[in-house]
Amino acid sequence: MQMERVVDSALRERVVPSMCTVLPRVLKREVPGLSETTRLFDLGLSSAGTLELLLELEEDLEIQIDVEEIDQADPETIGTLADFVAEHALVED
């Protein structure tokens, strides 16, 4: 029986602004007008870039993200990736 994951809404509220800060570093260019509906692959974010983004978010938010269950739909937009992070994060002690 598979356990249902719950979105940590307080964490999710922190993930979106953090992602908007970290994304330009990962892409190595300015990215104006980022929002939850911004499509990540339209920005040129590759699969490797997605992993780099998740590592940067871990550091920025002081969390660990379980990336074992990520699938192709999770990094579609900033919002969908924020949902994934909020569902798969373990807060560090």
Protein backbone atom coordinates (compact mmCIF):
# COMPACT_ATOMS: atom_id res chain seq x y z
CA MET A 1 0.00 0.00 0.00
CA GLN A 2 1.45 3.36 -1.08
CA MET A 3 1.47 6.21 1.41
CA GLU A 4 -0.18 9.44 0.24
CA ARG A 5 2.17 12.42 0.36
CA VAL A 6 0.94 15.72 1.76
CA VAL A 7 2.02 19.15 0.51
CA ASP A 8 3.68 21.20 3.25
CA SER A 9 1.93 24.50 2.44
CA ALA A 10 4.21 26.60 4.67
CA LEU A 11 7.27 25.18 2.93
CA ARG A 12 5.68 25.63 -0.49
CA GLU A 13 5.20 29.33 0.25
CA ARG A 14 8.98 29.54 0.78
CA VAL A 15 9.88 27.40 -2.25
CA VAL A 16 8.43 29.64 -4.98
CA PRO A 17 10.34 32.83 -4.02
CA SER A 18 13.48 30.79 -3.41
CA MET A 19 13.16 29.21 -6.84
CA CYS A 20 12.76 32.64 -8.43
CA THR A 21 16.01 33.70 -6.72
CA VAL A 22 17.98 30.54 -7.49
CA LEU A 23 16.84 29.99 -11.10
CA PRO A 24 18.90 32.84 -12.61
CA ARG A 25 22.01 31.39 -10.91
CA VAL A 26 21.32 27.94 -12.34
CA LEU A 27 20.58 29.32 -15.83
CA LYS A 28 23.52 31.78 -15.56
CA ARG A 29 21.38 34.66 -16.87
CA GLU A 30 18.70 37.08 -15.73
CA VAL A 31 15.15 35.74 -15.96
CA PRO A 32 12.58 38.54 -15.55
CA GLY A 33 8.91 37.95 -14.82
CA LEU A 34 9.10 34.56 -13.14
CA SER A 35 5.83 33.21 -11.70
CA GLU A 36 4.28 29.89 -10.69
CA THR A 37 3.11 29.37 -14.27
CA THR A 38 6.56 29.90 -15.84
CA ARG A 39 7.42 26.79 -17.87
CA LEU A 40 10.90 25.65 -16.86
CA PHE A 41 11.89 23.92 -20.09
CA ASP A 42 10.83 27.05 -22.03
CA LEU A 43 13.57 28.82 -20.06
CA GLY A 44 16.06 26.24 -21.32
CA LEU A 45 16.28 24.27 -18.08
CA SER A 46 17.58 20.76 -18.85
CA SER A 47 17.18 17.63 -16.75
CA ALA A 48 20.66 18.23 -15.32
CA GLY A 49 19.67 21.85 -14.66
CA THR A 50 16.59 20.65 -12.79
CA LEU A 51 18.78 18.56 -10.48
CA GLU A 52 21.11 21.54 -9.99
CA LEU A 53 18.08 23.70 -9.16
CA LEU A 54 16.90 21.15 -6.59
CA LEU A 55 20.38 21.06 -4.99
CA GLU A 56 20.42 24.87 -4.81
CA LEU A 57 16.95 24.86 -3.23
CA GLU A 58 18.12 22.32 -0.64
CA GLU A 59 20.93 24.64 0.34
CA ASP A 60 18.86 27.83 0.24
CA LEU A 61 15.96 26.38 2.26
CA GLU A 62 18.02 24.06 4.49
CA ILE A 63 16.03 20.99 3.49
CA GLN A 64 16.66 17.66 1.82
CA ILE A 65 14.56 16.68 -1.18
CA ASP A 66 13.85 13.05 -2.04
CA VAL A 67 14.27 13.09 -5.83
CA GLU A 68 13.70 9.34 -6.29
CA GLU A 69 10.04 9.83 -7.24
CA ILE A 70 10.38 12.80 -9.59
CA ASP A 71 8.80 12.30 -12.97
CA GLN A 72 8.65 14.32 -16.15
CA ALA A 73 5.54 16.32 -15.16
CA ASP A 74 6.98 17.56 -11.84
CA PRO A 75 9.38 20.16 -13.27
CA GLU A 76 6.90 21.46 -15.88
CA THR A 77 6.41 24.85 -14.19
CA ILE A 78 7.71 26.66 -11.12
CA GLY A 79 4.41 25.80 -9.41
CA THR A 80 4.48 22.07 -10.20
CA LEU A 81 8.11 21.81 -9.08
CA ALA A 82 7.24 23.73 -5.88
CA ASP A 83 4.48 21.16 -5.24
CA PHE A 84 6.98 18.34 -5.72
CA VAL A 85 9.51 19.94 -3.35
CA ALA A 86 6.84 20.58 -0.69
CA GLU A 87 5.71 16.93 -0.93
CA HIS A 88 9.20 15.38 -0.95
CA ALA A 89 11.19 17.50 1.49
CA LEU A 90 12.67 16.51 4.81
CA VAL A 91 13.53 19.44 7.07
CA GLU A 92 17.06 19.13 8.42
CA ASP A 93 17.56 19.16 12.20
